[in-house]
Amino acid sequence: MALKQPPNKGAASLPKTVRNKMGFYKKGGSTSKSGSKPKNPKLYAAVKSEAKKKFKVYPSAYANAWLVRTYKKRGGTYA
């Protein structure tokens, strides 16, 4: 005879404070990254225009990774 297991209710059964700590109620969209803005906007704009020329599809993971890596190599930082 197999033992019965309680039904799995998932995260919905947890208190709201626990779900908040787990990240269910994060503020801001995926693009905000809690205020990470380039400190050197001119350099960032230059690297971004290079990325748009280099990649066929600009808003892509590869293009954005290249943009961040190149921006940092050239001395750019984020706030």
PDB file of N, CA and C in Angstrom:
ATOM      1  N   MET A   1       0.838  -1.170   0.000  1.00  0.00           N
ATOM      2  CA  MET A   1       0.000   0.000   0.000  1.00  0.00           C
ATOM      3  C   MET A   1       0.887   1.239   0.000  1.00  0.00           C
ATOM      4  N   ALA A   2       0.683   2.110  -0.942  1.00  0.00           N
ATOM      5  CA  ALA A   2       1.498   3.320  -1.061  1.00  0.00           C
ATOM      6  C   ALA A   2       0.982   4.403  -0.119  1.00  0.00           C
ATOM      7  N   LEU A   3       1.928   5.172   0.394  1.00  0.00           N
ATOM      8  CA  LEU A   3       1.548   6.274   1.267  1.00  0.00           C
ATOM      9  C   LEU A   3       1.043   7.445   0.442  1.00  0.00           C
ATOM     10  N   LYS A   4       0.045   8.117   0.947  1.00  0.00           N
ATOM     11  CA  LYS A   4      -0.472   9.299   0.271  1.00  0.00           C
ATOM     12  C   LYS A   4       0.384  10.501   0.642  1.00  0.00           C
ATOM     13  N   GLN A   5       0.708  11.292  -0.353  1.00  0.00           N
ATOM     14  CA  GLN A   5       1.460  12.510  -0.098  1.00  0.00           C
ATOM     15  C   GLN A   5       0.509  13.694  -0.147  1.00  0.00           C
ATOM     16  N   PRO A   6       0.793  14.728   0.646  1.00  0.00           N
ATOM     17  CA  PRO A   6      -0.077  15.899   0.606  1.00  0.00           C
ATOM     18  C   PRO A   6       0.019  16.576  -0.759  1.00  0.00           C
ATOM     19  N   PRO A   7      -1.063  17.216  -1.193  1.00  0.00           N
ATOM     20  CA  PRO A   7      -1.031  17.884  -2.500  1.00  0.00           C
ATOM     21  C   PRO A   7      -0.012  19.018  -2.497  1.00  0.00           C
ATOM     22  N   ASN A   8       0.685  19.157  -3.594  1.00  0.00           N
ATOM     23  CA  ASN A   8       1.691  20.195  -3.728  1.00  0.00           C
ATOM     24  C   ASN A   8       1.007  21.475  -4.197  1.00  0.00           C
ATOM     25  N   LYS A   9       0.906  22.432  -3.309  1.00  0.00           N
ATOM     26  CA  LYS A   9       0.250  23.686  -3.647  1.00  0.00           C
ATOM     27  C   LYS A   9       1.234  24.712  -4.209  1.00  0.00           C
ATOM     28  N   GLY A  10       2.517  24.446  -4.140  1.00  0.00           N
ATOM     29  CA  GLY A  10       3.513  25.355  -4.686  1.00  0.00           C
ATOM     30  C   GLY A  10       3.697  26.604  -3.848  1.00  0.00           C
ATOM     31  N   ALA A  11       4.164  27.651  -4.494  1.00  0.00           N
ATOM     32  CA  ALA A  11       4.482  28.892  -3.799  1.00  0.00           C
ATOM     33  C   ALA A  11       3.238  29.614  -3.307  1.00  0.00           C
ATOM     34  N   ALA A  12       2.072  29.313  -3.883  1.00  0.00           N
ATOM     35  CA  ALA A  12       0.848  29.988  -3.474  1.00  0.00           C
ATOM     36  C   ALA A  12       0.486  29.698  -2.027  1.00  0.00           C
ATOM     37  N   SER A  13       0.939  28.580  -1.502  1.00  0.00           N
ATOM     38  CA  SER A  13       0.594  28.233  -0.131  1.00  0.00           C
ATOM     39  C   SER A  13       1.509  28.917   0.888  1.00  0.00           C
ATOM     40  N   LEU A  14       2.579  29.533   0.434  1.00  0.00           N
ATOM     41  CA  LEU A  14       3.497  30.214   1.344  1.00  0.00           C
ATOM     42  C   LEU A  14       2.958  31.591   1.714  1.00  0.00           C
ATOM     43  N   PRO A  15       3.325  32.105   2.899  1.00  0.00           N
ATOM     44  CA  PRO A  15       2.906  33.456   3.273  1.00  0.00           C
ATOM     45  C   PRO A  15       3.505  34.495   2.324  1.00  0.00           C
ATOM     46  N   LYS A  16       2.851  35.641   2.214  1.00  0.00           N
ATOM     47  CA  LYS A  16       3.279  36.671   1.277  1.00  0.00           C
ATOM     48  C   LYS A  16       4.684  37.175   1.612  1.00  0.00           C
ATOM     49  N   THR A  17       5.041  37.249   2.902  1.00  0.00           N
ATOM     50  CA  THR A  17       6.372  37.730   3.272  1.00  0.00           C
ATOM     51  C   THR A  17       7.458  36.791   2.756  1.00  0.00           C
ATOM     52  N   VAL A  18       7.189  35.501   2.785  1.00  0.00           N
ATOM     53  CA  VAL A  18       8.159  34.526   2.288  1.00  0.00           C
ATOM     54  C   VAL A  18       8.268  34.632   0.769  1.00  0.00           C
ATOM     55  N   ARG A  19       7.120  34.765   0.086  1.00  0.00           N
ATOM     56  CA  ARG A  19       7.144  34.901  -1.366  1.00  0.00           C
ATOM     57  C   ARG A  19       7.859  36.171  -1.777  1.00  0.00           C
ATOM     58  N   ASN A  20       7.723  37.245  -0.987  1.00  0.00           N
ATOM     59  CA  ASN A  20       8.402  38.493  -1.303  1.00  0.00           C
ATOM     60  C   ASN A  20       9.913  38.309  -1.209  1.00  0.00           C
ATOM     61  N   LYS A  21      10.380  37.594  -0.201  1.00  0.00           N
ATOM     62  CA  LYS A  21      11.812  37.338  -0.051  1.00  0.00           C
ATOM     63  C   LYS A  21      12.339  36.447  -1.164  1.00  0.00           C
ATOM     64  N   MET A  22      11.463  35.600  -1.718  1.00  0.00           N
ATOM     65  CA  MET A  22      11.869  34.723  -2.807  1.00  0.00           C
ATOM     66  C   MET A  22      11.924  35.460  -4.146  1.00  0.00           C
ATOM     67  N   GLY A  23      11.407  36.687  -4.203  1.00  0.00           N
ATOM     68  CA  GLY A  23      11.485  37.468  -5.422  1.00  0.00           C
ATOM     69  C   GLY A  23      10.222  37.475  -6.252  1.00  0.00           C
ATOM     70  N   PHE A  24       9.092  37.073  -5.682  1.00  0.00           N
ATOM     71  CA  PHE A  24       7.855  37.055  -6.445  1.00  0.00           C
ATOM     72  C   PHE A  24       7.298  38.456  -6.677  1.00  0.00           C
ATOM     73  N   TYR A  25       7.633  39.392  -5.811  1.00  0.00           N
ATOM     74  CA  TYR A  25       7.061  40.729  -5.895  1.00  0.00           C
ATOM     75  C   TYR A  25       8.151  41.786  -6.098  1.00  0.00           C
ATOM     76  N   LYS A  26       9.045  41.567  -7.036  1.00  0.00           N
ATOM     77  CA  LYS A  26      10.104  42.544  -7.300  1.00  0.00           C
ATOM     78  C   LYS A  26       9.518  43.766  -7.975  1.00  0.00           C
ATOM     79  N   LYS A  27      10.041  44.922  -7.607  1.00  0.00           N
ATOM     80  CA  LYS A  27       9.581  46.160  -8.225  1.00  0.00           C
ATOM     81  C   LYS A  27      10.428  46.456  -9.443  1.00  0.00           C
ATOM     82  N   GLY A  28       9.830  47.101 -10.423  1.00  0.00           N
ATOM     83  CA  GLY A  28      10.557  47.487 -11.620  1.00  0.00           C
ATOM     84  C   GLY A  28      10.553  46.377 -12.649  1.00  0.00           C
ATOM     85  N   GLY A  29      10.757  46.777 -13.890  1.00  0.00           N
ATOM     86  CA  GLY A  29      10.777  45.805 -14.975  1.00  0.00           C
ATOM     87  C   GLY A  29      12.131  45.153 -15.120  1.00  0.00           C
ATOM     88  N   SER A  30      12.257  44.320 -16.104  1.00  0.00           N
ATOM     89  CA  SER A  30      13.517  43.613 -16.323  1.00  0.00           C
ATOM     90  C   SER A  30      14.592  44.544 -16.869  1.00  0.00           C
ATOM     91  N   THR A  31      14.188  45.694 -17.427  1.00  0.00           N
ATOM     92  CA  THR A  31      15.176  46.604 -17.999  1.00  0.00           C
ATOM     93  C   THR A  31      15.698  47.603 -16.988  1.00  0.00           C
ATOM     94  N   SER A  32      15.033  47.759 -15.849  1.00  0.00           N
ATOM     95  CA  SER A  32      15.455  48.785 -14.901  1.00  0.00           C
ATOM     96  C   SER A  32      16.721  48.383 -14.147  1.00  0.00           C
ATOM     97  N   LYS A  33      16.854  47.126 -13.779  1.00  0.00           N
ATOM     98  CA  LYS A  33      18.003  46.607 -13.038  1.00  0.00           C
ATOM     99  C   LYS A  33      18.353  47.485 -11.843  1.00  0.00           C
ATOM    100  N   SER A  34      17.344  47.979 -11.167  1.00  0.00           N
ATOM    101  CA  SER A  34      17.471  48.780  -9.951  1.00  0.00           C
ATOM    102  C   SER A  34      18.459  49.931 -10.090  1.00  0.00           C
ATOM    103  N   GLY A  35      18.352  50.690 -11.150  1.00  0.00           N
ATOM    104  CA  GLY A  35      19.105  51.923 -11.286  1.00  0.00           C
ATOM    105  C   GLY A  35      20.484  51.791 -11.891  1.00  0.00           C
ATOM    106  N   SER A  36      20.799  50.740 -12.601  1.00  0.00           N
ATOM    107  CA  SER A  36      22.123  50.631 -13.200  1.00  0.00           C
ATOM    108  C   SER A  36      22.134  51.392 -14.526  1.00  0.00           C
ATOM    109  N   LYS A  37      22.678  52.604 -14.475  1.00  0.00           N
ATOM    110  CA  LYS A  37      22.757  53.444 -15.657  1.00  0.00           C
ATOM    111  C   LYS A  37      24.229  53.697 -15.960  1.00  0.00           C
ATOM    112  N   PRO A  38      24.580  53.854 -17.232  1.00  0.00           N
ATOM    113  CA  PRO A  38      25.980  54.134 -17.556  1.00  0.00           C
ATOM    114  C   PRO A  38      26.404  55.506 -17.042  1.00  0.00           C
ATOM    115  N   LYS A  39      27.588  55.575 -16.448  1.00  0.00           N
ATOM    116  CA  LYS A  39      28.094  56.844 -15.937  1.00  0.00           C
ATOM    117  C   LYS A  39      28.624  57.730 -17.054  1.00  0.00           C
ATOM    118  N   ASN A  40      28.997  57.129 -18.186  1.00  0.00           N
ATOM    119  CA  ASN A  40      29.514  57.891 -19.317  1.00  0.00           C
ATOM    120  C   ASN A  40      28.560  57.690 -20.500  1.00  0.00           C
ATOM    121  N   PRO A  41      27.513  58.517 -20.601  1.00  0.00           N
ATOM    122  CA  PRO A  41      26.510  58.308 -21.639  1.00  0.00           C
ATOM    123  C   PRO A  41      27.042  58.442 -23.063  1.00  0.00           C
ATOM    124  N   LYS A  42      28.032  59.299 -23.285  1.00  0.00           N
ATOM    125  CA  LYS A  42      28.582  59.475 -24.638  1.00  0.00           C
ATOM    126  C   LYS A  42      29.289  58.205 -25.100  1.00  0.00           C
ATOM    127  N   LEU A  43      30.102  57.622 -24.228  1.00  0.00           N
ATOM    128  CA  LEU A  43      30.804  56.385 -24.565  1.00  0.00           C
ATOM    129  C   LEU A  43      29.796  55.260 -24.782  1.00  0.00           C
ATOM    130  N   TYR A  44      28.790  55.188 -23.932  1.00  0.00           N
ATOM    131  CA  TYR A  44      27.763  54.148 -24.051  1.00  0.00           C
ATOM    132  C   TYR A  44      27.023  54.274 -25.380  1.00  0.00           C
ATOM    133  N   ALA A  45      26.687  55.501 -25.761  1.00  0.00           N
ATOM    134  CA  ALA A  45      25.984  55.723 -27.029  1.00  0.00           C
ATOM    135  C   ALA A  45      26.848  55.318 -28.212  1.00  0.00           C
ATOM    136  N   ALA A  46      28.152  55.606 -28.142  1.00  0.00           N
ATOM    137  CA  ALA A  46      29.062  55.236 -29.228  1.00  0.00           C
ATOM    138  C   ALA A  46      29.163  53.717 -29.365  1.00  0.00           C
ATOM    139  N   VAL A  47      29.302  53.035 -28.246  1.00  0.00           N
ATOM    140  CA  VAL A  47      29.397  51.569 -28.275  1.00  0.00           C
ATOM    141  C   VAL A  47      28.073  50.960 -28.728  1.00  0.00           C
ATOM    142  N   LYS A  48      26.970  51.572 -28.331  1.00  0.00           N
ATOM    143  CA  LYS A  48      25.660  51.075 -28.732  1.00  0.00           C
ATOM    144  C   LYS A  48      25.460  51.199 -30.238  1.00  0.00           C
ATOM    145  N   SER A  49      25.913  52.313 -30.822  1.00  0.00           N
ATOM    146  CA  SER A  49      25.776  52.458 -32.275  1.00  0.00           C
ATOM    147  C   SER A  49      26.658  51.443 -33.006  1.00  0.00           C
ATOM    148  N   GLU A  50      27.827  51.128 -32.443  1.00  0.00           N
ATOM    149  CA  GLU A  50      28.679  50.086 -33.019  1.00  0.00           C
ATOM    150  C   GLU A  50      27.983  48.723 -32.961  1.00  0.00           C
ATOM    151  N   ALA A  51      27.302  48.463 -31.848  1.00  0.00           N
ATOM    152  CA  ALA A  51      26.599  47.186 -31.700  1.00  0.00           C
ATOM    153  C   ALA A  51      25.469  47.075 -32.720  1.00  0.00           C
ATOM    154  N   LYS A  52      24.793  48.180 -32.989  1.00  0.00           N
ATOM    155  CA  LYS A  52      23.700  48.160 -33.969  1.00  0.00           C
ATOM    156  C   LYS A  52      24.232  47.881 -35.374  1.00  0.00           C
ATOM    157  N   LYS A  53      25.446  48.346 -35.662  1.00  0.00           N
ATOM    158  CA  LYS A  53      26.061  48.086 -36.975  1.00  0.00           C
ATOM    159  C   LYS A  53      26.609  46.663 -37.054  1.00  0.00           C
ATOM    160  N   LYS A  54      27.114  46.167 -35.941  1.00  0.00           N
ATOM    161  CA  LYS A  54      27.786  44.868 -35.927  1.00  0.00           C
ATOM    162  C   LYS A  54      26.814  43.687 -35.997  1.00  0.00           C
ATOM    163  N   PHE A  55      25.657  43.805 -35.344  1.00  0.00           N
ATOM    164  CA  PHE A  55      24.711  42.692 -35.249  1.00  0.00           C
ATOM    165  C   PHE A  55      23.481  42.967 -36.107  1.00  0.00           C
ATOM    166  N   LYS A  56      23.000  41.943 -36.780  1.00  0.00           N
ATOM    167  CA  LYS A  56      21.795  42.083 -37.602  1.00  0.00           C
ATOM    168  C   LYS A  56      20.584  42.407 -36.734  1.00  0.00           C
ATOM    169  N   VAL A  57      20.462  41.698 -35.619  1.00  0.00           N
ATOM    170  CA  VAL A  57      19.371  41.932 -34.687  1.00  0.00           C
ATOM    171  C   VAL A  57      19.968  42.605 -33.467  1.00  0.00           C
ATOM    172  N   TYR A  58      19.655  43.903 -33.276  1.00  0.00           N
ATOM    173  CA  TYR A  58      20.299  44.583 -32.149  1.00  0.00           C
ATOM    174  C   TYR A  58      19.726  44.196 -30.798  1.00  0.00           C
ATOM    175  N   PRO A  59      18.473  44.339 -30.543  1.00  0.00           N
ATOM    176  CA  PRO A  59      18.089  43.977 -29.180  1.00  0.00           C
ATOM    177  C   PRO A  59      18.108  42.459 -28.993  1.00  0.00           C
ATOM    178  N   SER A  60      19.310  41.919 -28.856  1.00  0.00           N
ATOM    179  CA  SER A  60      19.465  40.485 -28.625  1.00  0.00           C
ATOM    180  C   SER A  60      20.431  40.274 -27.463  1.00  0.00           C
ATOM    181  N   ALA A  61      20.442  39.091 -26.951  1.00  0.00           N
ATOM    182  CA  ALA A  61      21.321  38.779 -25.823  1.00  0.00           C
ATOM    183  C   ALA A  61      22.786  38.914 -26.218  1.00  0.00           C
ATOM    184  N   TYR A  62      23.129  38.458 -27.407  1.00  0.00           N
ATOM    185  CA  TYR A  62      24.520  38.548 -27.856  1.00  0.00           C
ATOM    186  C   TYR A  62      24.958  39.996 -28.016  1.00  0.00           C
ATOM    187  N   ALA A  63      24.101  40.815 -28.634  1.00  0.00           N
ATOM    188  CA  ALA A  63      24.450  42.217 -28.858  1.00  0.00           C
ATOM    189  C   ALA A  63      24.571  42.969 -27.540  1.00  0.00           C
ATOM    190  N   ASN A  64      23.658  42.720 -26.618  1.00  0.00           N
ATOM    191  CA  ASN A  64      23.722  43.413 -25.331  1.00  0.00           C
ATOM    192  C   ASN A  64      24.926  42.967 -24.508  1.00  0.00           C
ATOM    193  N   ALA A  65      25.259  41.701 -24.562  1.00  0.00           N
ATOM    194  CA  ALA A  65      26.445  41.220 -23.845  1.00  0.00           C
ATOM    195  C   ALA A  65      27.703  41.846 -24.427  1.00  0.00           C
ATOM    196  N   TRP A  66      27.759  41.932 -25.754  1.00  0.00           N
ATOM    197  CA  TRP A  66      28.908  42.557 -26.408  1.00  0.00           C
ATOM    198  C   TRP A  66      28.997  44.029 -26.017  1.00  0.00           C
ATOM    199  N   LEU A  67      27.853  44.705 -25.985  1.00  0.00           N
ATOM    200  CA  LEU A  67      27.817  46.120 -25.637  1.00  0.00           C
ATOM    201  C   LEU A  67      28.363  46.348 -24.234  1.00  0.00           C
ATOM    202  N   VAL A  68      27.906  45.588 -23.270  1.00  0.00           N
ATOM    203  CA  VAL A  68      28.355  45.754 -21.890  1.00  0.00           C
ATOM    204  C   VAL A  68      29.838  45.435 -21.763  1.00  0.00           C
ATOM    205  N   ARG A  69      30.269  44.348 -22.385  1.00  0.00           N
ATOM    206  CA  ARG A  69      31.677  43.953 -22.306  1.00  0.00           C
ATOM    207  C   ARG A  69      32.584  45.011 -22.922  1.00  0.00           C
ATOM    208  N   THR A  70      32.204  45.522 -24.098  1.00  0.00           N
ATOM    209  CA  THR A  70      33.014  46.528 -24.779  1.00  0.00           C
ATOM    210  C   THR A  70      33.002  47.848 -24.019  1.00  0.00           C
ATOM    211  N   TYR A  71      31.856  48.233 -23.493  1.00  0.00           N
ATOM    212  CA  TYR A  71      31.741  49.466 -22.716  1.00  0.00           C
ATOM    213  C   TYR A  71      32.657  49.415 -21.500  1.00  0.00           C
ATOM    214  N   LYS A  72      32.689  48.271 -20.829  1.00  0.00           N
ATOM    215  CA  LYS A  72      33.537  48.131 -19.647  1.00  0.00           C
ATOM    216  C   LYS A  72      35.019  48.104 -20.024  1.00  0.00           C
ATOM    217  N   LYS A  73      35.351  47.465 -21.165  1.00  0.00           N
ATOM    218  CA  LYS A  73      36.750  47.427 -21.610  1.00  0.00           C
ATOM    219  C   LYS A  73      37.279  48.823 -21.885  1.00  0.00           C
ATOM    220  N   ARG A  74      36.402  49.688 -22.380  1.00  0.00           N
ATOM    221  CA  ARG A  74      36.805  51.056 -22.720  1.00  0.00           C
ATOM    222  C   ARG A  74      36.746  52.003 -21.515  1.00  0.00           C
ATOM    223  N   GLY A  75      36.541  51.459 -20.343  1.00  0.00           N
ATOM    224  CA  GLY A  75      36.600  52.263 -19.136  1.00  0.00           C
ATOM    225  C   GLY A  75      35.267  52.739 -18.609  1.00  0.00           C
ATOM    226  N   GLY A  76      34.173  52.295 -19.193  1.00  0.00           N
ATOM    227  CA  GLY A  76      32.863  52.713 -18.724  1.00  0.00           C
ATOM    228  C   GLY A  76      32.450  51.967 -17.460  1.00  0.00           C
ATOM    229  N   THR A  77      31.695  52.634 -16.631  1.00  0.00           N
ATOM    230  CA  THR A  77      31.169  52.023 -15.405  1.00  0.00           C
ATOM    231  C   THR A  77      29.681  52.312 -15.305  1.00  0.00           C
ATOM    232  N   TYR A  78      29.027  51.601 -14.409  1.00  0.00           N
ATOM    233  CA  TYR A  78      27.593  51.774 -14.186  1.00  0.00           C
ATOM    234  C   TYR A  78      27.358  52.338 -12.798  1.00  0.00           C
ATOM    235  N   ALA A  79      26.284  53.122 -12.662  1.00  0.00           N
ATOM    236  CA  ALA A  79      25.930  53.707 -11.368  1.00  0.00           C
ATOM    237  C   ALA A  79      25.122  52.747 -10.551  1.00  0.00           C
TER     238      ALA A  79
END
